[in-house]
Protein backbone atom coordinates (compact mmCIF):
# COMPACT_ATOMS: atom_id res chain seq x y z
CA MET A 1 14.86 -5.76 -32.50
CA ARG A 2 15.66 -3.96 -28.87
CA ARG A 3 17.90 -7.47 -27.43
CA ILE A 4 20.09 -7.22 -30.69
CA ILE A 5 20.15 -3.44 -30.54
CA SER A 6 21.25 -3.67 -26.60
CA ILE A 7 23.57 -6.07 -26.98
CA ALA A 8 25.36 -4.33 -29.66
CA ALA A 9 25.47 -1.46 -28.04
CA VAL A 10 27.07 -2.87 -25.19
CA MET A 11 29.78 -4.12 -27.64
CA MET A 12 30.53 -1.22 -29.08
CA PHE A 13 32.20 0.07 -26.43
CA CYS A 14 34.37 -2.59 -25.54
CA ALA A 15 34.87 -4.71 -28.68
CA CYS A 16 38.23 -6.04 -27.79
CA LYS A 17 36.97 -8.50 -25.44
CA ALA A 18 34.03 -9.22 -23.38
CA PRO A 19 32.46 -6.59 -21.36
CA GLN A 20 32.65 -8.01 -17.67
CA ALA A 21 29.34 -8.17 -15.38
CA ASP A 22 28.75 -8.60 -11.50
CA LEU A 23 25.98 -11.02 -11.91
CA ILE A 24 24.86 -13.05 -15.13
CA ILE A 25 21.29 -14.64 -15.04
CA HIS A 26 20.71 -17.15 -17.41
CA HIS A 27 18.44 -19.88 -18.61
CA ALA A 28 15.82 -18.10 -17.13
CA ARG A 29 12.18 -16.71 -18.12
CA ILE A 30 12.67 -13.45 -18.03
CA TYR A 31 9.17 -10.95 -17.89
CA THR A 32 11.38 -8.11 -18.85
CA VAL A 33 7.55 -5.88 -18.25
CA ASP A 34 8.46 -3.94 -21.30
CA SER A 35 5.96 -2.36 -23.42
CA ALA A 36 5.59 -5.71 -25.65
CA PHE A 37 5.60 -7.71 -21.96
CA SER A 38 8.47 -9.37 -23.91
CA VAL A 39 9.89 -12.64 -22.16
CA THR A 40 13.64 -13.27 -22.66
CA GLU A 41 16.38 -16.04 -21.23
CA ALA A 42 19.11 -14.25 -19.60
CA MET A 43 20.11 -10.90 -18.36
CA ALA A 44 23.54 -9.40 -17.82
CA VAL A 45 23.53 -6.75 -14.07
CA LYS A 46 26.54 -4.51 -13.87
CA ASP A 47 27.02 -1.63 -10.64
CA GLY A 48 23.36 -2.31 -9.52
CA LYS A 49 21.78 -2.15 -13.12
CA ILE A 50 20.67 -4.09 -16.11
CA LEU A 51 23.85 -3.94 -19.12
CA ALA A 52 21.26 -6.32 -21.84
CA THR A 53 19.08 -9.07 -21.91
CA GLY A 54 18.63 -11.58 -24.57
CA LYS A 55 19.02 -14.91 -25.59
CA ASN A 56 20.91 -17.58 -23.73
CA GLU A 57 23.77 -17.95 -25.88
CA ASP A 58 24.22 -14.19 -26.83
CA ILE A 59 24.07 -13.03 -23.18
CA LEU A 60 26.96 -15.68 -22.45
CA LYS A 61 29.01 -15.29 -25.75
CA HIS A 62 29.68 -11.40 -25.24
CA PHE A 63 29.32 -11.47 -21.18
CA THR A 64 32.09 -12.51 -18.56
CA ALA A 65 30.61 -12.61 -15.15
CA LEU A 66 31.98 -12.37 -11.90
CA GLU A 67 28.74 -14.54 -10.85
CA ASN A 68 26.34 -16.62 -13.12
CA ILE A 69 23.31 -18.17 -12.36
CA ASP A 70 21.57 -20.98 -14.08
CA ALA A 71 18.53 -20.15 -12.48
CA GLN A 72 16.72 -23.51 -14.23
CA GLY A 73 14.11 -22.10 -16.18
CA LYS A 74 12.46 -20.46 -13.16
CA ALA A 75 10.59 -17.35 -13.70
CA VAL A 76 12.38 -13.85 -13.00
CA TYR A 77 10.09 -10.69 -12.98
CA PRO A 78 11.06 -7.53 -11.74
CA GLY A 79 11.09 -6.55 -8.27
CA PHE A 80 6.95 -5.82 -6.84
CA ILE A 81 6.67 -2.87 -6.12
CA ASP A 82 3.88 -1.97 -3.86
CA ALA A 83 1.89 1.08 -4.98
CA HIS A 84 -0.28 1.69 -1.46
CA ALA A 85 1.28 0.58 1.83
CA HIS A 86 2.41 1.82 5.45
CA PHE A 87 5.66 0.51 5.87
CA VAL A 88 6.78 2.60 8.72
CA GLY A 89 2.98 1.92 10.55
CA TYR A 90 3.76 -2.25 9.55
CA GLY A 91 7.31 -2.11 11.38
CA ARG A 92 5.42 -0.58 14.34
CA SER A 93 2.49 -3.08 14.26
CA LEU A 94 4.84 -5.69 14.50
CA PHE A 95 6.28 -4.96 17.95
CA GLN A 96 2.53 -4.66 19.56
CA VAL A 97 -0.63 -7.02 19.93
CA ASP A 98 -1.46 -8.73 17.10
CA LEU A 99 -5.39 -8.65 17.18
CA PHE A 100 -5.74 -9.60 13.11
CA GLY A 101 -8.57 -12.44 12.83
CA CYS A 102 -9.79 -12.71 16.17
CA ASN A 103 -12.98 -14.32 15.81
CA ASN A 104 -14.88 -12.01 19.08
CA TRP A 105 -13.73 -9.57 21.25
CA GLU A 106 -13.20 -11.87 24.11
CA GLU A 107 -10.63 -12.98 22.14
CA ALA A 108 -8.63 -9.94 20.87
CA VAL A 109 -8.87 -9.29 24.93
CA THR A 110 -7.10 -12.57 26.13
CA ARG A 111 -4.67 -11.60 23.36
CA VAL A 112 -4.31 -7.77 25.22
CA LYS A 113 -3.76 -9.70 28.26
CA ALA A 114 -0.71 -12.21 27.06
CA PHE A 115 0.73 -9.24 25.72
CA ALA A 116 0.64 -6.81 28.46
CA ALA A 117 2.02 -10.36 30.77
CA GLU A 118 5.51 -10.58 28.58
CA HIS A 119 5.78 -7.04 28.13
CA PRO A 120 5.09 -5.88 31.75
CA ASN A 121 7.50 -2.68 31.38
CA LEU A 122 5.81 -1.21 28.17
CA ASP A 123 4.61 2.27 29.60
CA TRP A 124 1.32 2.14 26.93
CA ILE A 125 -0.58 -1.18 25.69
CA GLN A 126 -0.71 -0.68 21.87
CA GLY A 127 -2.50 -3.43 18.83
CA ARG A 128 -3.77 -3.43 15.62
CA GLY A 129 -6.39 -5.90 13.53
CA TRP A 130 -9.88 -5.61 15.19
CA ASP A 131 -12.32 -6.38 13.47
CA GLN A 132 -16.54 -6.30 14.36
CA ASN A 133 -17.57 -7.07 10.99
CA ARG A 134 -15.85 -11.04 11.82
CA TRP A 135 -17.56 -11.34 15.11
CA PRO A 136 -21.28 -12.66 16.11
CA GLY A 137 -23.83 -9.26 15.78
CA LYS A 138 -20.62 -7.32 14.06
CA SER A 139 -21.04 -4.46 16.73
CA PHE A 140 -18.40 -2.16 17.87
CA PRO A 141 -16.59 -3.23 21.24
CA THR A 142 -16.74 -2.17 24.57
CA ASN A 143 -14.12 -1.24 26.88
CA GLU A 144 -15.24 -2.29 30.26
CA ALA A 145 -12.65 -5.41 30.30
CA LEU A 146 -10.08 -3.65 29.51
CA ASN A 147 -11.20 -0.99 32.00
CA GLN A 148 -10.86 -3.75 34.38
CA LEU A 149 -7.36 -5.61 33.67
CA PHE A 150 -5.71 -2.58 33.20
CA PRO A 151 -6.87 0.68 35.57
CA ASN A 152 -3.23 2.34 35.92
CA LYS A 153 -2.24 1.63 32.77
CA PRO A 154 -2.95 3.34 29.23
CA VAL A 155 -4.54 0.77 26.19
CA VAL A 156 -5.50 1.57 22.83
CA LEU A 157 -6.28 -1.05 19.92
CA THR A 158 -6.05 0.42 16.12
CA ARG A 159 -9.24 -1.25 14.03
CA VAL A 160 -7.92 -3.09 10.71
CA ASP A 161 -8.52 -0.05 8.51
CA GLY A 162 -6.84 2.19 10.59
CA HIS A 163 -9.73 4.01 10.41
CA ALA A 164 -11.34 4.18 14.02
CA SER A 165 -9.75 2.72 17.92
CA ILE A 166 -11.36 1.44 21.37
CA ALA A 167 -9.21 2.66 24.06
CA ASN A 168 -9.73 2.50 27.44
CA GLN A 169 -10.39 4.94 30.62
CA LYS A 170 -6.66 5.57 31.56
CA ALA A 171 -6.28 6.80 28.22
CA LEU A 172 -9.13 8.51 27.33
CA ASP A 173 -7.94 10.04 30.95
CA LEU A 174 -5.04 11.30 29.42
CA ALA A 175 -6.82 12.37 26.42
CA GLY A 176 -9.30 14.65 27.67
CA ILE A 177 -12.01 13.09 25.98
CA LYS A 178 -14.98 12.96 27.55
CA ALA A 179 -18.97 12.04 26.56
CA GLY A 180 -20.78 14.33 25.13
CA GLN A 181 -17.17 16.19 22.66
CA THR A 182 -17.94 16.48 19.01
CA ILE A 183 -15.10 16.99 17.06
CA THR A 184 -14.68 17.61 12.83
CA GLY A 185 -14.14 14.51 11.02
CA GLY A 186 -14.65 12.02 13.56
CA PHE A 187 -17.06 10.26 16.49
CA ILE A 188 -16.65 9.45 19.59
CA GLU A 189 -18.85 6.51 20.41
CA VAL A 190 -21.92 7.41 23.87
CA LYS A 191 -23.87 4.01 24.86
CA ASN A 192 -26.32 5.31 28.41
CA GLY A 193 -23.98 8.66 28.44
CA LYS A 194 -21.01 6.70 29.07
CA LEU A 195 -17.33 6.81 26.81
CA THR A 196 -17.33 2.89 24.81
CA GLY A 197 -13.80 3.53 23.90
CA VAL A 198 -14.94 3.44 20.45
CA LEU A 199 -13.01 6.51 18.40
CA ILE A 200 -13.42 6.83 14.49
CA ASP A 201 -11.25 8.40 12.50
CA ASN A 202 -10.00 12.08 13.89
CA ALA A 203 -11.39 11.18 17.11
CA ASP A 204 -8.44 9.31 18.21
CA ASP A 205 -5.83 11.59 17.44
CA LYS A 206 -5.52 12.31 21.15
CA VAL A 207 -4.86 9.40 22.27
CA TYR A 208 -2.00 9.01 19.99
CA ALA A 209 -0.62 12.44 20.64
CA GLN A 210 -0.15 10.89 24.40
CA ILE A 211 1.75 7.50 23.16
CA PRO A 212 5.87 8.77 23.28
CA GLU A 213 7.96 8.86 20.83
CA PRO A 214 10.03 5.38 20.21
CA SER A 215 13.94 5.22 21.13
CA LYS A 216 16.23 5.69 17.72
CA GLU A 217 17.29 1.91 18.40
CA MET A 218 13.64 0.20 18.51
CA TYR A 219 12.25 2.23 15.85
CA THR A 220 15.78 1.01 13.28
CA GLN A 221 14.20 -2.12 14.81
CA TRP A 222 10.45 -1.68 13.32
CA LEU A 223 12.09 -0.85 10.10
CA GLN A 224 14.36 -3.35 9.52
CA GLN A 225 12.47 -6.59 10.57
CA ALA A 226 9.56 -4.65 7.80
CA GLU A 227 11.82 -4.57 5.13
CA LYS A 228 12.82 -8.30 5.64
CA ASN A 229 9.48 -9.35 5.71
CA CYS A 230 8.73 -7.46 2.55
CA PHE A 231 11.92 -9.12 0.72
CA ALA A 232 11.06 -12.00 1.68
CA GLN A 233 7.39 -11.52 -0.21
CA GLY A 234 9.79 -10.67 -3.39
CA LEU A 235 8.69 -6.61 -2.51
CA THR A 236 11.70 -4.36 -3.64
CA THR A 237 9.75 -0.62 -3.48
CA ILE A 238 7.29 0.20 -0.88
CA THR A 239 4.68 3.75 -0.80
CA ASP A 240 4.50 4.88 2.59
CA CYS A 241 1.20 5.98 1.92
CA GLY A 242 1.46 9.82 4.52
CA LEU A 243 5.25 10.62 6.42
CA GLY A 244 6.06 13.06 8.73
CA TYR A 245 8.93 14.87 8.06
CA ARG A 246 10.59 13.45 11.24
CA ASP A 247 9.80 9.93 9.36
CA VAL A 248 11.67 10.77 6.25
CA GLU A 249 14.51 12.31 8.29
CA ALA A 250 14.87 9.31 9.55
CA ILE A 251 14.53 6.82 7.27
CA ASP A 252 16.86 8.73 4.84
CA ALA A 253 19.56 8.61 7.80
CA LEU A 254 19.27 5.07 8.19
CA GLN A 255 20.03 4.76 4.83
CA LYS A 256 22.52 6.48 4.30
CA GLU A 257 24.10 4.59 7.13
CA GLY A 258 23.56 1.13 5.15
CA LYS A 259 21.44 0.10 7.68
CA LEU A 260 18.33 0.26 5.77
CA ASN A 261 18.26 -0.83 2.21
CA MET A 262 14.21 -0.71 0.74
CA ARG A 263 13.75 1.65 -2.02
CA LEU A 264 10.87 3.94 -0.46
CA TYR A 265 7.99 5.96 -2.06
CA VAL A 266 6.97 8.60 0.30
CA MET A 267 3.32 10.52 0.56
CA LEU A 268 3.67 13.43 3.45
CA SER A 269 0.71 13.77 5.76
CA ASP A 270 -1.26 16.62 4.83
CA GLU A 271 -0.01 18.78 7.80
CA PRO A 272 1.09 22.21 7.74
CA ALA A 273 4.76 21.53 8.98
CA ASN A 274 5.36 18.82 6.36
CA LEU A 275 4.45 21.33 3.78
CA GLU A 276 6.23 24.29 5.25
CA ARG A 277 8.59 22.15 5.27
CA TYR A 278 9.23 20.36 1.62
CA LEU A 279 7.14 22.44 -0.93
CA LYS A 280 9.38 25.40 -1.57
CA LYS A 281 12.20 23.01 -2.04
CA GLY A 282 10.62 20.55 -4.30
CA PRO A 283 10.86 17.23 -4.02
CA TYR A 284 13.58 14.93 -2.30
CA ARG A 285 15.00 11.98 -4.27
CA THR A 286 18.31 9.99 -3.49
CA ASP A 287 18.73 6.25 -4.62
CA LYS A 288 16.59 4.52 -2.80
CA LEU A 289 14.42 7.44 -1.44
CA LEU A 290 12.34 9.46 -3.14
CA VAL A 291 9.36 12.34 -1.42
CA LYS A 292 7.08 13.73 -4.40
CA GLY A 293 4.06 12.79 -2.43
CA VAL A 294 0.92 14.70 -0.17
CA LYS A 295 -1.47 12.18 0.94
CA VAL A 296 -4.85 13.60 1.92
CA TYR A 297 -7.61 11.92 4.18
CA ALA A 298 -11.16 12.66 2.54
CA ASP A 299 -13.30 10.16 4.49
CA GLY A 300 -12.73 7.02 6.71
CA ALA A 301 -13.56 3.93 5.80
CA LEU A 302 -16.61 1.42 5.31
CA GLY A 303 -15.66 -1.21 7.48
CA SER A 304 -16.44 1.17 10.15
CA ARG A 305 -19.23 3.05 8.23
CA GLY A 306 -17.31 6.37 8.51
CA ALA A 307 -16.90 6.61 4.34
CA CYS A 308 -19.07 9.32 3.48
CA LEU A 309 -21.75 8.07 0.68
CA LEU A 310 -24.15 9.88 -1.52
CA GLN A 311 -26.90 7.96 0.02
CA PRO A 312 -27.37 6.57 3.75
CA TYR A 313 -25.70 3.67 4.53
CA ASN A 314 -28.11 0.23 3.48
CA ASP A 315 -27.64 -1.47 6.93
CA LYS A 316 -27.83 2.31 8.76
CA PRO A 317 -30.72 5.24 7.71
CA GLY A 318 -30.18 8.27 7.72
CA TRP A 319 -26.53 8.18 8.22
CA THR A 320 -24.36 8.39 5.40
CA GLY A 321 -20.89 9.15 6.94
CA PHE A 322 -18.78 12.22 6.73
CA LEU A 323 -15.49 14.11 5.40
CA LEU A 324 -12.62 14.04 7.72
CA ARG A 325 -12.29 17.96 6.55
CA ASN A 326 -14.34 20.53 5.24
CA PRO A 327 -13.95 20.70 1.08
CA SER A 328 -12.85 23.89 1.32
CA HIS A 329 -9.40 22.49 2.54
CA TYR A 330 -9.13 19.71 -0.64
CA ASP A 331 -9.81 22.65 -2.68
CA SER A 332 -7.64 25.00 -1.71
CA LEU A 333 -4.30 22.57 -0.85
CA ALA A 334 -5.57 21.25 -4.48
CA ARG A 335 -5.19 25.12 -5.73
CA VAL A 336 -1.63 24.76 -4.34
CA LEU A 337 -0.40 21.68 -5.19
CA ALA A 338 -1.39 22.60 -8.79
CA SER A 339 1.40 24.90 -8.93
CA THR A 340 3.59 22.39 -7.34
CA ASP A 341 5.67 19.35 -8.63
CA PHE A 342 4.09 17.62 -6.09
CA GLN A 343 1.78 14.56 -6.59
CA MET A 344 -1.60 14.88 -4.35
CA CYS A 345 -2.62 12.04 -3.54
CA THR A 346 -6.11 11.60 -1.50
CA HIS A 347 -7.73 8.74 0.21
CA ALA A 348 -11.29 8.57 -0.65
CA ILE A 349 -13.16 5.57 -0.18
CA GLY A 350 -17.23 6.67 -0.31
CA ASP A 351 -18.71 7.46 -3.25
CA SER A 352 -19.37 10.93 -2.15
CA ALA A 353 -16.23 11.23 -1.03
CA ASN A 354 -14.64 10.20 -4.43
CA ARG A 355 -16.95 12.99 -6.54
CA GLU A 356 -15.75 16.01 -4.16
CA ILE A 357 -12.44 14.94 -4.92
CA LEU A 358 -12.45 13.75 -8.40
CA GLN A 359 -14.53 17.41 -9.16
CA ILE A 360 -11.76 19.45 -7.28
CA TYR A 361 -9.00 17.35 -9.12
CA ASN A 362 -10.62 18.20 -12.55
CA LYS A 363 -11.04 22.27 -11.93
CA TYR A 364 -7.38 22.14 -11.40
CA LEU A 365 -5.90 19.65 -13.69
CA HIS A 366 -8.03 21.70 -17.00
CA GLY A 367 -8.25 18.14 -19.13
CA LYS A 368 -5.24 15.40 -19.75
CA ASN A 369 -2.11 16.00 -18.29
CA ASP A 370 0.71 14.41 -16.25
CA LYS A 371 0.58 15.14 -12.68
CA ARG A 372 -0.50 11.26 -11.94
CA TRP A 373 -2.86 12.87 -9.15
CA ARG A 374 -3.63 9.66 -7.69
CA ILE A 375 -6.84 8.96 -5.83
CA GLU A 376 -6.26 6.41 -2.82
CA HIS A 377 -8.35 3.13 -3.25
CA ALA A 378 -10.71 4.92 -5.48
CA GLN A 379 -13.33 2.15 -3.81
CA VAL A 380 -16.60 2.98 -4.37
CA ILE A 381 -17.99 5.08 -7.13
CA ASN A 382 -20.88 6.60 -8.64
CA GLN A 383 -22.02 4.96 -12.38
CA GLN A 384 -22.01 8.72 -13.53
CA ASP A 385 -17.88 9.40 -12.00
CA PHE A 386 -15.53 7.32 -13.60
CA HIS A 387 -15.51 9.24 -16.50
CA LEU A 388 -13.61 11.94 -14.03
CA PHE A 389 -10.72 9.67 -13.55
CA GLY A 390 -10.11 9.68 -17.46
CA ASP A 391 -10.87 13.42 -18.29
CA ALA A 392 -8.46 14.62 -15.77
CA SER A 393 -5.53 11.69 -16.03
CA ILE A 394 -6.34 11.00 -12.17
CA VAL A 395 -4.51 7.20 -10.92
CA PRO A 396 -7.29 5.24 -9.28
CA SER A 397 -4.64 3.74 -6.97
CA VAL A 398 -6.36 0.39 -5.85
CA GLN A 399 -5.93 -2.78 -3.54
CA PRO A 400 -7.21 -5.89 -5.01
CA THR A 401 -7.73 -7.55 -1.52
CA HIS A 402 -9.89 -4.98 -0.18
CA GLY A 403 -12.15 -6.08 -2.63
CA THR A 404 -12.21 -9.92 -1.06
CA SER A 405 -11.65 -8.85 2.67
CA ASP A 406 -14.63 -6.56 2.71
CA MET A 407 -17.61 -9.06 -0.30
CA TYR A 408 -18.27 -10.10 2.85
CA TRP A 409 -20.75 -7.01 4.77
CA ALA A 410 -20.12 -4.72 1.75
CA GLY A 411 -23.61 -5.69 0.64
CA ASP A 412 -25.59 -4.75 3.63
CA ARG A 413 -23.43 -1.39 3.88
CA LEU A 414 -24.38 -0.51 0.31
CA GLY A 415 -26.73 -2.53 -1.35
CA ALA A 416 -26.66 -4.63 -4.69
CA GLU A 417 -27.08 -2.04 -7.15
CA ARG A 418 -24.47 0.53 -5.45
CA LEU A 419 -22.23 -2.29 -5.08
CA LYS A 420 -21.69 -2.84 -8.73
CA GLY A 421 -19.80 0.10 -8.87
CA ALA A 422 -17.28 -0.39 -5.82
CA TYR A 423 -14.00 -2.16 -6.49
CA ALA A 424 -14.21 -1.84 -10.13
CA TYR A 425 -10.99 -2.65 -11.00
CA LYS A 426 -11.41 -2.80 -14.82
CA GLN A 427 -13.59 -0.31 -15.28
CA LEU A 428 -11.66 2.05 -13.21
CA LEU A 429 -8.23 0.60 -15.77
CA GLN A 430 -9.92 1.58 -18.57
CA GLN A 431 -9.82 5.00 -17.94
CA ASN A 432 -6.51 5.82 -18.81
CA GLY A 433 -5.02 2.66 -19.76
CA TRP A 434 -3.05 1.87 -16.13
CA ILE A 435 -3.39 0.92 -13.27
CA PRO A 436 -1.25 0.68 -9.64
CA LEU A 437 -2.10 -2.29 -7.78
CA GLY A 438 -1.36 -2.28 -3.56
CA THR A 439 -1.78 -3.60 -0.44
CA ASP A 440 -2.29 -0.74 2.11
CA PHE A 441 -0.68 -3.43 4.88
CA PRO A 442 -0.71 -3.96 7.19
CA VAL A 443 -4.46 -2.84 6.68
CA GLU A 444 -3.96 -6.12 4.48
CA ASP A 445 -1.25 -8.41 4.68
CA ILE A 446 1.95 -7.94 2.99
CA SER A 447 1.01 -10.31 0.41
CA PRO A 448 1.93 -9.80 -4.03
CA PHE A 449 0.37 -13.13 -4.20
CA LYS A 450 -2.73 -12.74 -2.30
CA THR A 451 -2.92 -8.92 -4.31
CA PHE A 452 -2.16 -11.12 -7.64
CA LEU A 453 -5.10 -13.56 -6.61
CA ALA A 454 -7.43 -10.90 -5.77
CA ALA A 455 -7.15 -9.22 -8.53
CA VAL A 456 -7.50 -11.77 -11.46
CA VAL A 457 -9.73 -14.56 -9.81
CA ARG A 458 -11.51 -12.45 -7.19
CA LYS A 459 -10.97 -15.04 -4.58
CA ASP A 460 -9.45 -14.61 -1.07
CA ALA A 461 -7.18 -17.36 0.49
CA LYS A 462 -9.91 -19.64 1.81
CA GLY A 463 -11.19 -19.71 -2.27
CA TYR A 464 -14.77 -17.93 -1.86
CA PRO A 465 -16.52 -17.45 -3.34
CA ALA A 466 -16.59 -20.48 -5.43
CA ASN A 467 -17.17 -18.30 -9.09
CA GLY A 468 -15.22 -15.22 -7.44
CA PHE A 469 -16.52 -11.53 -6.75
CA GLN A 470 -18.38 -9.60 -9.52
CA THR A 471 -15.62 -10.76 -12.07
CA GLU A 472 -17.10 -9.00 -14.61
CA ASN A 473 -14.07 -6.28 -12.94
CA ALA A 474 -11.31 -9.19 -12.87
CA LEU A 475 -7.68 -7.83 -14.36
CA THR A 476 -6.01 -9.99 -16.56
CA ARG A 477 -2.59 -12.21 -15.42
CA GLU A 478 -0.74 -9.44 -17.60
CA GLU A 479 -2.50 -6.18 -15.99
CA THR A 480 -1.62 -7.54 -12.60
CA ILE A 481 1.85 -7.50 -12.86
CA ARG A 482 1.79 -4.73 -14.74
CA GLY A 483 0.01 -2.72 -11.76
CA MET A 484 2.34 -4.71 -9.57
CA THR A 485 5.50 -3.31 -11.19
CA ILE A 486 5.78 -0.59 -14.12
CA TRP A 487 2.35 0.71 -13.30
CA ALA A 488 2.96 1.25 -9.56
CA ALA A 489 6.57 2.42 -10.37
CA LYS A 490 4.52 4.81 -13.46
CA ALA A 491 2.77 5.91 -10.30
CA ASN A 492 4.98 7.00 -8.47
CA PHE A 493 7.24 8.55 -11.19
CA MET A 494 10.13 6.31 -11.28
CA GLU A 495 9.10 3.83 -14.38
CA LYS A 496 12.48 5.50 -15.88
CA GLU A 497 14.38 3.67 -13.16
CA ILE A 498 12.52 0.79 -11.74
CA GLY A 499 9.14 -1.53 -12.43
CA SER A 500 11.04 -3.48 -15.90
CA LEU A 501 14.40 -5.24 -16.72
CA GLU A 502 14.93 -3.09 -19.24
CA GLN A 503 19.06 -2.11 -20.12
CA GLY A 504 19.83 0.63 -17.57
CA LYS A 505 17.62 0.33 -15.25
CA LYS A 506 17.75 -0.70 -11.69
CA ALA A 507 18.67 -4.58 -11.15
CA ASP A 508 15.80 -4.90 -9.02
CA PHE A 509 14.12 -8.45 -9.83
CA ILE A 510 13.09 -11.36 -8.22
CA MET A 511 13.12 -15.57 -8.85
CA LEU A 512 10.11 -17.33 -8.50
CA ASP A 513 9.92 -20.90 -7.68
CA GLN A 514 6.78 -21.15 -9.84
CA ASP A 515 5.29 -18.43 -12.96
CA LEU A 516 2.54 -16.62 -12.11
CA MET A 517 1.69 -16.38 -15.77
CA LYS A 518 1.14 -20.01 -16.41
CA VAL A 519 0.49 -21.15 -12.65
CA PRO A 520 -3.67 -23.07 -11.83
CA GLU A 521 -5.26 -20.53 -9.95
CA THR A 522 -5.48 -23.27 -7.36
CA ASP A 523 -1.89 -22.88 -6.63
CA ILE A 524 -0.92 -19.19 -6.91
CA LEU A 525 -0.56 -18.57 -3.37
CA LYS A 526 1.72 -22.02 -2.66
CA VAL A 527 4.36 -19.77 -5.40
CA LYS A 528 7.51 -18.88 -3.30
CA VAL A 529 10.58 -16.43 -3.65
CA LYS A 530 13.78 -17.81 -4.16
CA ALA A 531 15.77 -14.93 -4.22
CA THR A 532 14.86 -11.10 -4.34
CA TYR A 533 17.49 -8.70 -5.77
CA LEU A 534 17.96 -5.10 -4.78
CA GLY A 535 20.44 -2.70 -7.33
CA GLY A 536 21.50 -6.43 -8.26
CA LYS A 537 22.57 -7.10 -5.10
CA LYS A 538 20.87 -10.58 -3.15
CA VAL A 539 18.89 -9.68 0.05
CA ILE A 540 16.85 -12.68 0.22
């Protein structure tokens, strides 16, 4: 019925001749991801928006187009939306030392040495991706080798989760960090009275503050390469979680200059300068940019034991992690944001951090609402606290590949009983009936296909574990596609513009060589993007 009404409306507009479209896709299997999850065959596009969808004969009969594409039965989906990522950070990481997948600290140091030799003119050496949980002994590294190799050049290497770093002595000296210093929401590791170089959470802020800002040319290069990689994966909208106003202004300028096309939903970092600049003016919107969220950090990461837990870590007795700010900060910020149109989006990993933020949210949201305040990650939830999401319509924004990355050691951190409330996507879905999905790239790979695999099959790229990880919390294929499209759009207040292929919405869509709704689970990661369209224009 919806298809007939859609075509009829267009025909009434111009009954004398077939309406002109810019593009017709036909003989496809088009997943509209509308409320009924309808599947159709053809779609007409004009001026970057969808004119109509329907059967092949109807669309081809009632429309003419400058370009007709026979999809030959290929699957077409709305463009994927990453509900939680770091687009600018990912772009930056592409021009740093790649430490992802290092099997030991020695391998990481070797990569740093090779990178330094290839880029001798850099004032700072930066890298990202090391993970001590992959190494024998699973212990944090120390900076002796970096000190010997680079006595006069600062080096700082970010852990895979972005919640810890290791810096050489030169970088520590420039930042004024000394043994014995303490910091709220962070930890400076010391052994035998000496700095090891490991800085957890807020402890590394002073190091990064010393790094010069990039030139406009370099910044543009970062974002253009990030955009290219994302389009190749079928991603057409990215949620960037935590940017400063200068980043927003730079992105806005690049988009208006035609140098950046990616649609972005931006959460402002929880810093006074950002809030002062935007809260009074209200959300900022253009065709490709929406600034409406505020990103807050409650705690750190489970992998670096910075997540704040109700009970001590199973593998570190007496240690419960920590909040990154005093609870009064979160309460006062929630009170302020409750009177604005801005979304409060809080990173919370541990069950204690989640409880703290959920209780504060409930205090100011007063039951069911449409503020769409979010908990980013919602990673470890006490069974008594799940209802707090549904009670106040709080959105759990999750990243399925975190579960399949962490499953190798998460039980060591949490113990078997507490693990049952971790990475519990089905339980979280049941709270509001919808759940947005993301990757958290560059913490994880940018691939939405890995997101799909982890959500549906609960296995990693290696096919481990054979029977899946806590499969009682797996999502169905339809739920996962919704989480990667319309629910991700809804989490960003963009569901009326993108996220489904319906009349009047932006023509952001992708064509795949295999159908995700039908492909065997063993072939999910073999699915390739044949084409990506943004606003009706092919970008890949």
